[in-house]
Amino acid sequence: MMKNEHLKDIAKKLRLRILELTHGVGKNGAHVGGGLSAVEILTTIYGHVLNYDLNNPLDKNRDRFILSKGHSAIALFSALQIAGFLTKEELDQFEVNGSPYYAHASRNLVKGI
């Protein structure tokens, strides 16, 4: 698959996952607009730019990405799932009481956050 097609595929998967997660939280809401507005940036960063190793997430030579747009956490979590940091089952717990995955990201270096 050519790079552009690969990135388009990632963006499509991100949008679908964001909508799926948003639908699942019901009345709690999930900042869907903030998440969807960050899709292209996160697609490029996680699909083409960042240097990271899923087997060594604390590598001192890894790239670091800091999301300062708090209302885009749903997109970050979705990108981390597609990149392999999070499993679908983990992210399916988005906005579930007691879950570490909610509307605003909380630092967890092992999970890429």
PDB file of N, CA and C in Angstrom:
ATOM      1  N   MET A   1       0.851  -1.184   0.000  1.00  0.00           N
ATOM      2  CA  MET A   1       0.000   0.000   0.000  1.00  0.00           C
ATOM      3  C   MET A   1       0.891   1.238   0.000  1.00  0.00           C
ATOM      4  N   MET A   2       0.595   2.191  -0.858  1.00  0.00           N
ATOM      5  CA  MET A   2       1.359   3.431  -0.923  1.00  0.00           C
ATOM      6  C   MET A   2       1.133   4.236   0.351  1.00  0.00           C
ATOM      7  N   LYS A   3       2.117   5.092   0.680  1.00  0.00           N
ATOM      8  CA  LYS A   3       2.055   5.860   1.925  1.00  0.00           C
ATOM      9  C   LYS A   3       0.763   6.655   2.051  1.00  0.00           C
ATOM     10  N   ASN A   4       0.351   7.350   0.988  1.00  0.00           N
ATOM     11  CA  ASN A   4      -0.881   8.141   1.068  1.00  0.00           C
ATOM     12  C   ASN A   4      -2.095   7.269   1.335  1.00  0.00           C
ATOM     13  N   GLU A   5      -2.164   6.126   0.680  1.00  0.00           N
ATOM     14  CA  GLU A   5      -3.290   5.207   0.901  1.00  0.00           C
ATOM     15  C   GLU A   5      -3.257   4.657   2.326  1.00  0.00           C
ATOM     16  N   HIS A   6      -2.063   4.377   2.809  1.00  0.00           N
ATOM     17  CA  HIS A   6      -1.908   3.882   4.177  1.00  0.00           C
ATOM     18  C   HIS A   6      -2.417   4.926   5.186  1.00  0.00           C
ATOM     19  N   LEU A   7      -2.040   6.180   4.976  1.00  0.00           N
ATOM     20  CA  LEU A   7      -2.479   7.242   5.882  1.00  0.00           C
ATOM     21  C   LEU A   7      -3.984   7.480   5.780  1.00  0.00           C
ATOM     22  N   LYS A   8      -4.544   7.404   4.582  1.00  0.00           N
ATOM     23  CA  LYS A   8      -6.002   7.541   4.425  1.00  0.00           C
ATOM     24  C   LYS A   8      -6.729   6.428   5.165  1.00  0.00           C
ATOM     25  N   ASP A   9      -6.168   5.226   5.124  1.00  0.00           N
ATOM     26  CA  ASP A   9      -6.761   4.093   5.831  1.00  0.00           C
ATOM     27  C   ASP A   9      -6.721   4.311   7.344  1.00  0.00           C
ATOM     28  N   ILE A  10      -5.608   4.811   7.848  1.00  0.00           N
ATOM     29  CA  ILE A  10      -5.504   5.105   9.283  1.00  0.00           C
ATOM     30  C   ILE A  10      -6.527   6.169   9.674  1.00  0.00           C
ATOM     31  N   ALA A  11      -6.635   7.238   8.897  1.00  0.00           N
ATOM     32  CA  ALA A  11      -7.584   8.315   9.205  1.00  0.00           C
ATOM     33  C   ALA A  11      -9.017   7.791   9.235  1.00  0.00           C
ATOM     34  N   LYS A  12      -9.348   6.948   8.286  1.00  0.00           N
ATOM     35  CA  LYS A  12     -10.695   6.369   8.252  1.00  0.00           C
ATOM     36  C   LYS A  12     -10.946   5.532   9.502  1.00  0.00           C
ATOM     37  N   LYS A  13      -9.965   4.704   9.887  1.00  0.00           N
ATOM     38  CA  LYS A  13     -10.105   3.874  11.089  1.00  0.00           C
ATOM     39  C   LYS A  13     -10.239   4.739  12.340  1.00  0.00           C
ATOM     40  N   LEU A  14      -9.478   5.828  12.395  1.00  0.00           N
ATOM     41  CA  LEU A  14      -9.578   6.737  13.544  1.00  0.00           C
ATOM     42  C   LEU A  14     -10.976   7.343  13.643  1.00  0.00           C
ATOM     43  N   ARG A  15     -11.484   7.846  12.530  1.00  0.00           N
ATOM     44  CA  ARG A  15     -12.820   8.452  12.550  1.00  0.00           C
ATOM     45  C   ARG A  15     -13.878   7.450  12.990  1.00  0.00           C
ATOM     46  N   LEU A  16     -13.813   6.257  12.435  1.00  0.00           N
ATOM     47  CA  LEU A  16     -14.789   5.230  12.808  1.00  0.00           C
ATOM     48  C   LEU A  16     -14.695   4.874  14.284  1.00  0.00           C
ATOM     49  N   ARG A  17     -13.487   4.747  14.798  1.00  0.00           N
ATOM     50  CA  ARG A  17     -13.322   4.375  16.213  1.00  0.00           C
ATOM     51  C   ARG A  17     -13.819   5.493  17.125  1.00  0.00           C
ATOM     52  N   ILE A  18     -13.526   6.746  16.756  1.00  0.00           N
ATOM     53  CA  ILE A  18     -14.006   7.882  17.551  1.00  0.00           C
ATOM     54  C   ILE A  18     -15.532   7.885  17.602  1.00  0.00           C
ATOM     55  N   LEU A  19     -16.165   7.694  16.460  1.00  0.00           N
ATOM     56  CA  LEU A  19     -17.631   7.667  16.428  1.00  0.00           C
ATOM     57  C   LEU A  19     -18.181   6.481  17.217  1.00  0.00           C
ATOM     58  N   GLU A  20     -17.533   5.337  17.109  1.00  0.00           N
ATOM     59  CA  GLU A  20     -17.955   4.153  17.855  1.00  0.00           C
ATOM     60  C   GLU A  20     -17.868   4.408  19.359  1.00  0.00           C
ATOM     61  N   LEU A  21     -16.770   4.992  19.800  1.00  0.00           N
ATOM     62  CA  LEU A  21     -16.606   5.273  21.229  1.00  0.00           C
ATOM     63  C   LEU A  21     -17.597   6.333  21.700  1.00  0.00           C
ATOM     64  N   THR A  22     -17.817   7.349  20.877  1.00  0.00           N
ATOM     65  CA  THR A  22     -18.763   8.411  21.225  1.00  0.00           C
ATOM     66  C   THR A  22     -20.165   7.838  21.401  1.00  0.00           C
ATOM     67  N   HIS A  23     -20.556   6.987  20.479  1.00  0.00           N
ATOM     68  CA  HIS A  23     -21.875   6.356  20.554  1.00  0.00           C
ATOM     69  C   HIS A  23     -22.011   5.538  21.842  1.00  0.00           C
ATOM     70  N   GLY A  24     -20.943   4.892  22.235  1.00  0.00           N
ATOM     71  CA  GLY A  24     -20.980   4.015  23.398  1.00  0.00           C
ATOM     72  C   GLY A  24     -21.099   4.713  24.735  1.00  0.00           C
ATOM     73  N   VAL A  25     -20.728   5.993  24.813  1.00  0.00           N
ATOM     74  CA  VAL A  25     -20.767   6.662  26.117  1.00  0.00           C
ATOM     75  C   VAL A  25     -22.118   7.281  26.429  1.00  0.00           C
ATOM     76  N   GLY A  26     -22.985   7.350  25.450  1.00  0.00           N
ATOM     77  CA  GLY A  26     -24.328   7.850  25.715  1.00  0.00           C
ATOM     78  C   GLY A  26     -24.349   9.276  26.212  1.00  0.00           C
ATOM     79  N   LYS A  27     -25.096   9.512  27.290  1.00  0.00           N
ATOM     80  CA  LYS A  27     -25.320  10.870  27.786  1.00  0.00           C
ATOM     81  C   LYS A  27     -24.074  11.523  28.374  1.00  0.00           C
ATOM     82  N   ASN A  28     -23.027  10.748  28.655  1.00  0.00           N
ATOM     83  CA  ASN A  28     -21.808  11.321  29.226  1.00  0.00           C
ATOM     84  C   ASN A  28     -21.075  12.230  28.255  1.00  0.00           C
ATOM     85  N   GLY A  29     -21.241  12.009  26.964  1.00  0.00           N
ATOM     86  CA  GLY A  29     -20.558  12.808  25.956  1.00  0.00           C
ATOM     87  C   GLY A  29     -19.090  12.431  25.857  1.00  0.00           C
ATOM     88  N   ALA A  30     -18.456  12.895  24.778  1.00  0.00           N
ATOM     89  CA  ALA A  30     -17.069  12.490  24.578  1.00  0.00           C
ATOM     90  C   ALA A  30     -16.264  13.492  23.756  1.00  0.00           C
ATOM     91  N   HIS A  31     -16.710  14.708  23.593  1.00  0.00           N
ATOM     92  CA  HIS A  31     -15.993  15.720  22.829  1.00  0.00           C
ATOM     93  C   HIS A  31     -15.696  15.231  21.415  1.00  0.00           C
ATOM     94  N   VAL A  32     -16.703  14.762  20.714  1.00  0.00           N
ATOM     95  CA  VAL A  32     -16.517  14.193  19.383  1.00  0.00           C
ATOM     96  C   VAL A  32     -15.923  15.213  18.404  1.00  0.00           C
ATOM     97  N   GLY A  33     -16.325  16.456  18.481  1.00  0.00           N
ATOM     98  CA  GLY A  33     -15.788  17.477  17.573  1.00  0.00           C
ATOM     99  C   GLY A  33     -14.300  17.688  17.765  1.00  0.00           C
ATOM    100  N   GLY A  34     -13.881  17.770  19.007  1.00  0.00           N
ATOM    101  CA  GLY A  34     -12.455  17.927  19.297  1.00  0.00           C
ATOM    102  C   GLY A  34     -11.653  16.733  18.822  1.00  0.00           C
ATOM    103  N   GLY A  35     -12.237  15.556  18.976  1.00  0.00           N
ATOM    104  CA  GLY A  35     -11.550  14.350  18.528  1.00  0.00           C
ATOM    105  C   GLY A  35     -11.434  14.293  17.015  1.00  0.00           C
ATOM    106  N   LEU A  36     -12.534  14.531  16.324  1.00  0.00           N
ATOM    107  CA  LEU A  36     -12.514  14.461  14.862  1.00  0.00           C
ATOM    108  C   LEU A  36     -11.620  15.532  14.249  1.00  0.00           C
ATOM    109  N   SER A  37     -11.495  16.678  14.914  1.00  0.00           N
ATOM    110  CA  SER A  37     -10.672  17.755  14.355  1.00  0.00           C
ATOM    111  C   SER A  37      -9.174  17.449  14.439  1.00  0.00           C
ATOM    112  N   ALA A  38      -8.793  16.439  15.193  1.00  0.00           N
ATOM    113  CA  ALA A  38      -7.375  16.090  15.345  1.00  0.00           C
ATOM    114  C   ALA A  38      -6.972  14.858  14.538  1.00  0.00           C
ATOM    115  N   VAL A  39      -7.890  14.295  13.778  1.00  0.00           N
ATOM    116  CA  VAL A  39      -7.627  13.031  13.076  1.00  0.00           C
ATOM    117  C   VAL A  39      -6.438  13.123  12.127  1.00  0.00           C
ATOM    118  N   GLU A  40      -6.392  14.122  11.279  1.00  0.00           N
ATOM    119  CA  GLU A  40      -5.320  14.209  10.292  1.00  0.00           C
ATOM    120  C   GLU A  40      -3.957  14.382  10.954  1.00  0.00           C
ATOM    121  N   ILE A  41      -3.916  15.186  12.006  1.00  0.00           N
ATOM    122  CA  ILE A  41      -2.648  15.395  12.719  1.00  0.00           C
ATOM    123  C   ILE A  41      -2.179  14.091  13.361  1.00  0.00           C
ATOM    124  N   LEU A  42      -3.066  13.418  14.072  1.00  0.00           N
ATOM    125  CA  LEU A  42      -2.682  12.169  14.737  1.00  0.00           C
ATOM    126  C   LEU A  42      -2.360  11.069  13.734  1.00  0.00           C
ATOM    127  N   THR A  43      -3.064  11.061  12.612  1.00  0.00           N
ATOM    128  CA  THR A  43      -2.767  10.088  11.560  1.00  0.00           C
ATOM    129  C   THR A  43      -1.344  10.271  11.064  1.00  0.00           C
ATOM    130  N   THR A  44      -0.972  11.493  10.791  1.00  0.00           N
ATOM    131  CA  THR A  44       0.373  11.778  10.291  1.00  0.00           C
ATOM    132  C   THR A  44       1.432  11.473  11.353  1.00  0.00           C
ATOM    133  N   ILE A  45       1.171  11.891  12.571  1.00  0.00           N
ATOM    134  CA  ILE A  45       2.155  11.695  13.636  1.00  0.00           C
ATOM    135  C   ILE A  45       2.380  10.211  13.918  1.00  0.00           C
ATOM    136  N   TYR A  46       1.289   9.472  14.146  1.00  0.00           N
ATOM    137  CA  TYR A  46       1.440   8.052  14.499  1.00  0.00           C
ATOM    138  C   TYR A  46       1.633   7.150  13.282  1.00  0.00           C
ATOM    139  N   GLY A  47       1.202   7.597  12.110  1.00  0.00           N
ATOM    140  CA  GLY A  47       1.324   6.763  10.923  1.00  0.00           C
ATOM    141  C   GLY A  47       2.577   6.993  10.108  1.00  0.00           C
ATOM    142  N   HIS A  48       3.310   8.096  10.416  1.00  0.00           N
ATOM    143  CA  HIS A  48       4.440   8.416   9.558  1.00  0.00           C
ATOM    144  C   HIS A  48       5.634   9.062  10.269  1.00  0.00           C
ATOM    145  N   VAL A  49       5.401   9.815  11.334  1.00  0.00           N
ATOM    146  CA  VAL A  49       6.459  10.664  11.883  1.00  0.00           C
ATOM    147  C   VAL A  49       7.150  10.087  13.120  1.00  0.00           C
ATOM    148  N   LEU A  50       6.378   9.706  14.124  1.00  0.00           N
ATOM    149  CA  LEU A  50       6.962   9.321  15.412  1.00  0.00           C
ATOM    150  C   LEU A  50       7.835   8.080  15.346  1.00  0.00           C
ATOM    151  N   ASN A  51       8.923   8.132  16.097  1.00  0.00           N
ATOM    152  CA  ASN A  51       9.807   6.991  16.286  1.00  0.00           C
ATOM    153  C   ASN A  51       9.496   6.404  17.662  1.00  0.00           C
ATOM    154  N   TYR A  52       8.931   5.198  17.678  1.00  0.00           N
ATOM    155  CA  TYR A  52       8.605   4.538  18.937  1.00  0.00           C
ATOM    156  C   TYR A  52       8.711   3.031  18.761  1.00  0.00           C
ATOM    157  N   ASP A  53       8.863   2.348  19.877  1.00  0.00           N
ATOM    158  CA  ASP A  53       8.968   0.895  19.877  1.00  0.00           C
ATOM    159  C   ASP A  53       7.961   0.371  20.893  1.00  0.00           C
ATOM    160  N   LEU A  54       6.950  -0.330  20.417  1.00  0.00           N
ATOM    161  CA  LEU A  54       5.909  -0.855  21.309  1.00  0.00           C
ATOM    162  C   LEU A  54       6.482  -1.797  22.362  1.00  0.00           C
ATOM    163  N   ASN A  55       7.586  -2.455  22.037  1.00  0.00           N
ATOM    164  CA  ASN A  55       8.203  -3.387  22.979  1.00  0.00           C
ATOM    165  C   ASN A  55       9.095  -2.690  23.992  1.00  0.00           C
ATOM    166  N   ASN A  56       9.382  -1.411  23.769  1.00  0.00           N
ATOM    167  CA  ASN A  56      10.226  -0.654  24.686  1.00  0.00           C
ATOM    168  C   ASN A  56       9.689   0.778  24.780  1.00  0.00           C
ATOM    169  N   PRO A  57       8.494   0.937  25.361  1.00  0.00           N
ATOM    170  CA  PRO A  57       7.849   2.261  25.361  1.00  0.00           C
ATOM    171  C   PRO A  57       8.584   3.318  26.191  1.00  0.00           C
ATOM    172  N   LEU A  58       9.500   2.909  27.048  1.00  0.00           N
ATOM    173  CA  LEU A  58      10.229   3.869  27.874  1.00  0.00           C
ATOM    174  C   LEU A  58      11.620   4.165  27.325  1.00  0.00           C
ATOM    175  N   ASP A  59      11.911   3.721  26.114  1.00  0.00           N
ATOM    176  CA  ASP A  59      13.202   3.952  25.472  1.00  0.00           C
ATOM    177  C   ASP A  59      13.530   5.440  25.501  1.00  0.00           C
ATOM    178  N   LYS A  60      14.720   5.778  26.005  1.00  0.00           N
ATOM    179  CA  LYS A  60      15.088   7.190  26.125  1.00  0.00           C
ATOM    180  C   LYS A  60      15.240   7.867  24.758  1.00  0.00           C
ATOM    181  N   ASN A  61      15.410   7.079  23.704  1.00  0.00           N
ATOM    182  CA  ASN A  61      15.569   7.637  22.363  1.00  0.00           C
ATOM    183  C   ASN A  61      14.264   7.741  21.578  1.00  0.00           C
ATOM    184  N   ARG A  62      13.140   7.387  22.201  1.00  0.00           N
ATOM    185  CA  ARG A  62      11.854   7.457  21.509  1.00  0.00           C
ATOM    186  C   ARG A  62      11.450   8.918  21.310  1.00  0.00           C
ATOM    187  N   ASP A  63      10.587   9.126  20.347  1.00  0.00           N
ATOM    188  CA  ASP A  63       9.990  10.448  20.193  1.00  0.00           C
ATOM    189  C   ASP A  63       8.887  10.594  21.232  1.00  0.00           C
ATOM    190  N   ARG A  64       8.595  11.819  21.566  1.00  0.00           N
ATOM    191  CA  ARG A  64       7.530  12.106  22.521  1.00  0.00           C
ATOM    192  C   ARG A  64       6.504  13.014  21.858  1.00  0.00           C
ATOM    193  N   PHE A  65       5.250  12.751  22.146  1.00  0.00           N
ATOM    194  CA  PHE A  65       4.163  13.579  21.641  1.00  0.00           C
ATOM    195  C   PHE A  65       3.320  14.007  22.825  1.00  0.00           C
ATOM    196  N   ILE A  66       3.080  15.295  22.922  1.00  0.00           N
ATOM    197  CA  ILE A  66       2.265  15.828  24.010  1.00  0.00           C
ATOM    198  C   ILE A  66       1.010  16.437  23.401  1.00  0.00           C
ATOM    199  N   LEU A  67      -0.122  15.902  23.777  1.00  0.00           N
ATOM    200  CA  LEU A  67      -1.403  16.442  23.324  1.00  0.00           C
ATOM    201  C   LEU A  67      -1.828  17.519  24.310  1.00  0.00           C
ATOM    202  N   SER A  68      -1.850  18.766  23.842  1.00  0.00           N
ATOM    203  CA  SER A  68      -2.260  19.853  24.733  1.00  0.00           C
ATOM    204  C   SER A  68      -3.732  20.203  24.568  1.00  0.00           C
ATOM    205  N   LYS A  69      -4.361  19.614  23.573  1.00  0.00           N
ATOM    206  CA  LYS A  69      -5.779  19.861  23.316  1.00  0.00           C
ATOM    207  C   LYS A  69      -6.574  18.783  24.060  1.00  0.00           C
ATOM    208  N   GLY A  70      -6.914  19.056  25.296  1.00  0.00           N
ATOM    209  CA  GLY A  70      -7.548  18.067  26.158  1.00  0.00           C
ATOM    210  C   GLY A  70      -8.807  17.440  25.612  1.00  0.00           C
ATOM    211  N   HIS A  71      -9.566  18.194  24.838  1.00  0.00           N
ATOM    212  CA  HIS A  71     -10.824  17.659  24.326  1.00  0.00           C
ATOM    213  C   HIS A  71     -10.633  16.768  23.102  1.00  0.00           C
ATOM    214  N   SER A  72      -9.380  16.396  22.821  1.00  0.00           N
ATOM    215  CA  SER A  72      -9.094  15.460  21.736  1.00  0.00           C
ATOM    216  C   SER A  72      -8.586  14.124  22.264  1.00  0.00           C
ATOM    217  N   ALA A  73      -8.745  13.881  23.552  1.00  0.00           N
ATOM    218  CA  ALA A  73      -8.247  12.638  24.144  1.00  0.00           C
ATOM    219  C   ALA A  73      -8.835  11.407  23.465  1.00  0.00           C
ATOM    220  N   ILE A  74     -10.091  11.466  23.071  1.00  0.00           N
ATOM    221  CA  ILE A  74     -10.717  10.318  22.406  1.00  0.00           C
ATOM    222  C   ILE A  74      -9.976   9.973  21.116  1.00  0.00           C
ATOM    223  N   ALA A  75      -9.485  10.990  20.403  1.00  0.00           N
ATOM    224  CA  ALA A  75      -8.715  10.754  19.177  1.00  0.00           C
ATOM    225  C   ALA A  75      -7.336  10.197  19.514  1.00  0.00           C
ATOM    226  N   LEU A  76      -6.710  10.730  20.551  1.00  0.00           N
ATOM    227  CA  LEU A  76      -5.407  10.206  20.970  1.00  0.00           C
ATOM    228  C   LEU A  76      -5.523   8.741  21.356  1.00  0.00           C
ATOM    229  N   PHE A  77      -6.517   8.406  22.159  1.00  0.00           N
ATOM    230  CA  PHE A  77      -6.694   7.009  22.564  1.00  0.00           C
ATOM    231  C   PHE A  77      -6.930   6.115  21.347  1.00  0.00           C
ATOM    232  N   SER A  78      -7.710   6.595  20.401  1.00  0.00           N
ATOM    233  CA  SER A  78      -7.977   5.816  19.192  1.00  0.00           C
ATOM    234  C   SER A  78      -6.705   5.624  18.375  1.00  0.00           C
ATOM    235  N   ALA A  79      -5.896   6.666  18.269  1.00  0.00           N
ATOM    236  CA  ALA A  79      -4.615   6.555  17.551  1.00  0.00           C
ATOM    237  C   ALA A  79      -3.691   5.572  18.269  1.00  0.00           C
ATOM    238  N   LEU A  80      -3.690   5.623  19.591  1.00  0.00           N
ATOM    239  CA  LEU A  80      -2.850   4.699  20.356  1.00  0.00           C
ATOM    240  C   LEU A  80      -3.311   3.257  20.190  1.00  0.00           C
ATOM    241  N   GLN A  81      -4.603   3.055  20.032  1.00  0.00           N
ATOM    242  CA  GLN A  81      -5.104   1.705  19.767  1.00  0.00           C
ATOM    243  C   GLN A  81      -4.622   1.235  18.394  1.00  0.00           C
ATOM    244  N   ILE A  82      -4.776   2.067  17.390  1.00  0.00           N
ATOM    245  CA  ILE A  82      -4.362   1.694  16.038  1.00  0.00           C
ATOM    246  C   ILE A  82      -2.852   1.470  15.974  1.00  0.00           C
ATOM    247  N   ALA A  83      -2.090   2.267  16.730  1.00  0.00           N
ATOM    248  CA  ALA A  83      -0.632   2.113  16.757  1.00  0.00           C
ATOM    249  C   ALA A  83      -0.194   0.876  17.537  1.00  0.00           C
ATOM    250  N   GLY A  84      -1.086   0.335  18.392  1.00  0.00           N
ATOM    251  CA  GLY A  84      -0.764  -0.870  19.146  1.00  0.00           C
ATOM    252  C   GLY A  84      -0.450  -0.667  20.615  1.00  0.00           C
ATOM    253  N   PHE A  85      -0.530   0.564  21.102  1.00  0.00           N
ATOM    254  CA  PHE A  85      -0.284   0.828  22.523  1.00  0.00           C
ATOM    255  C   PHE A  85      -1.442   0.346  23.393  1.00  0.00           C
ATOM    256  N   LEU A  86      -2.657   0.477  22.882  1.00  0.00           N
ATOM    257  CA  LEU A  86      -3.857   0.066  23.604  1.00  0.00           C
ATOM    258  C   LEU A  86      -4.557  -1.040  22.826  1.00  0.00           C
ATOM    259  N   THR A  87      -5.216  -1.916  23.536  1.00  0.00           N
ATOM    260  CA  THR A  87      -6.021  -2.935  22.868  1.00  0.00           C
ATOM    261  C   THR A  87      -7.440  -2.400  22.691  1.00  0.00           C
ATOM    262  N   LYS A  88      -8.169  -3.012  21.807  1.00  0.00           N
ATOM    263  CA  LYS A  88      -9.572  -2.650  21.605  1.00  0.00           C
ATOM    264  C   LYS A  88     -10.342  -2.836  22.910  1.00  0.00           C
ATOM    265  N   GLU A  89     -10.050  -3.924  23.614  1.00  0.00           N
ATOM    266  CA  GLU A  89     -10.754  -4.220  24.873  1.00  0.00           C
ATOM    267  C   GLU A  89     -10.475  -3.144  25.923  1.00  0.00           C
ATOM    268  N   GLU A  90      -9.232  -2.668  25.978  1.00  0.00           N
ATOM    269  CA  GLU A  90      -8.922  -1.593  26.929  1.00  0.00           C
ATOM    270  C   GLU A  90      -9.713  -0.338  26.571  1.00  0.00           C
ATOM    271  N   LEU A  91      -9.673   0.039  25.309  1.00  0.00           N
ATOM    272  CA  LEU A  91     -10.338   1.274  24.903  1.00  0.00           C
ATOM    273  C   LEU A  91     -11.849   1.154  24.912  1.00  0.00           C
ATOM    274  N   ASP A  92     -12.374  -0.049  24.814  1.00  0.00           N
ATOM    275  CA  ASP A  92     -13.817  -0.242  24.947  1.00  0.00           C
ATOM    276  C   ASP A  92     -14.308   0.205  26.327  1.00  0.00           C
ATOM    277  N   GLN A  93     -13.387   0.397  27.258  1.00  0.00           N
ATOM    278  CA  GLN A  93     -13.733   0.858  28.600  1.00  0.00           C
ATOM    279  C   GLN A  93     -13.769   2.389  28.697  1.00  0.00           C
ATOM    280  N   PHE A  94     -13.662   3.067  27.553  1.00  0.00           N
ATOM    281  CA  PHE A  94     -13.702   4.527  27.522  1.00  0.00           C
ATOM    282  C   PHE A  94     -14.959   5.037  28.223  1.00  0.00           C
ATOM    283  N   GLU A  95     -14.746   5.934  29.176  1.00  0.00           N
ATOM    284  CA  GLU A  95     -15.816   6.567  29.954  1.00  0.00           C
ATOM    285  C   GLU A  95     -16.593   5.597  30.848  1.00  0.00           C
ATOM    286  N   VAL A  96     -16.080   4.396  31.065  1.00  0.00           N
ATOM    287  CA  VAL A  96     -16.685   3.470  32.020  1.00  0.00           C
ATOM    288  C   VAL A  96     -16.153   3.853  33.400  1.00  0.00           C
ATOM    289  N   ASN A  97     -16.989   3.859  34.392  1.00  0.00           N
ATOM    290  CA  ASN A  97     -16.597   4.243  35.741  1.00  0.00           C
ATOM    291  C   ASN A  97     -15.348   3.478  36.184  1.00  0.00           C
ATOM    292  N   GLY A  98     -14.313   4.208  36.582  1.00  0.00           N
ATOM    293  CA  GLY A  98     -13.073   3.612  37.060  1.00  0.00           C
ATOM    294  C   GLY A  98     -12.036   3.361  35.976  1.00  0.00           C
ATOM    295  N   SER A  99     -12.393   3.566  34.725  1.00  0.00           N
ATOM    296  CA  SER A  99     -11.468   3.349  33.625  1.00  0.00           C
ATOM    297  C   SER A  99     -10.441   4.479  33.555  1.00  0.00           C
ATOM    298  N   PRO A 100      -9.200   4.175  33.158  1.00  0.00           N
ATOM    299  CA  PRO A 100      -8.210   5.242  32.974  1.00  0.00           C
ATOM    300  C   PRO A 100      -8.406   6.012  31.669  1.00  0.00           C
ATOM    301  N   TYR A 101      -9.377   5.605  30.866  1.00  0.00           N
ATOM    302  CA  TYR A 101      -9.620   6.249  29.569  1.00  0.00           C
ATOM    303  C   TYR A 101     -10.935   7.013  29.635  1.00  0.00           C
ATOM    304  N   TYR A 102     -10.809   8.319  29.722  1.00  0.00           N
ATOM    305  CA  TYR A 102     -11.989   9.176  29.832  1.00  0.00           C
ATOM    306  C   TYR A 102     -11.733  10.455  29.054  1.00  0.00           C
ATOM    307  N   ALA A 103     -12.600  11.409  29.126  1.00  0.00           N
ATOM    308  CA  ALA A 103     -12.604  12.588  28.258  1.00  0.00           C
ATOM    309  C   ALA A 103     -11.297  13.381  28.234  1.00  0.00           C
ATOM    310  N   HIS A 104     -10.466  13.269  29.255  1.00  0.00           N
ATOM    311  CA  HIS A 104      -9.186  13.969  29.284  1.00  0.00           C
ATOM    312  C   HIS A 104      -8.090  12.955  29.598  1.00  0.00           C
ATOM    313  N   ALA A 105      -7.017  13.009  28.817  1.00  0.00           N
ATOM    314  CA  ALA A 105      -5.932  12.034  28.961  1.00  0.00           C
ATOM    315  C   ALA A 105      -5.166  12.240  30.264  1.00  0.00           C
ATOM    316  N   SER A 106      -4.778  11.139  30.865  1.00  0.00           N
ATOM    317  CA  SER A 106      -3.959  11.150  32.062  1.00  0.00           C
ATOM    318  C   SER A 106      -2.680  10.379  31.749  1.00  0.00           C
ATOM    319  N   ARG A 107      -1.553  10.933  32.087  1.00  0.00           N
ATOM    320  CA  ARG A 107      -0.239  10.397  31.714  1.00  0.00           C
ATOM    321  C   ARG A 107      -0.066   8.918  32.083  1.00  0.00           C
ATOM    322  N   ASN A 108       0.390   8.146  31.100  1.00  0.00           N
ATOM    323  CA  ASN A 108       0.752   6.742  31.278  1.00  0.00           C
ATOM    324  C   ASN A 108       1.755   6.413  30.162  1.00  0.00           C
ATOM    325  N   LEU A 109       3.039   6.539  30.446  1.00  0.00           N
ATOM    326  CA  LEU A 109       4.064   6.394  29.423  1.00  0.00           C
ATOM    327  C   LEU A 109       4.078   5.015  28.776  1.00  0.00           C
ATOM    328  N   VAL A 110       3.791   3.987  29.536  1.00  0.00           N
ATOM    329  CA  VAL A 110       3.789   2.621  28.983  1.00  0.00           C
ATOM    330  C   VAL A 110       2.708   2.476  27.914  1.00  0.00           C
ATOM    331  N   LYS A 111       1.602   3.184  28.103  1.00  0.00           N
ATOM    332  CA  LYS A 111       0.490   3.150  27.142  1.00  0.00           C
ATOM    333  C   LYS A 111       0.598   4.251  26.084  1.00  0.00           C
ATOM    334  N   GLY A 112       1.704   4.980  26.077  1.00  0.00           N
ATOM    335  CA  GLY A 112       1.917   6.014  25.080  1.00  0.00           C
ATOM    336  C   GLY A 112       1.263   7.347  25.382  1.00  0.00           C
ATOM    337  N   ILE A 113       0.723   7.489  26.562  1.00  0.00           N
ATOM    338  CA  ILE A 113       0.007   8.718  26.929  1.00  0.00           C
ATOM    339  C   ILE A 113       0.944   9.631  27.713  1.00  0.00           C
TER     340      ILE A 113
END
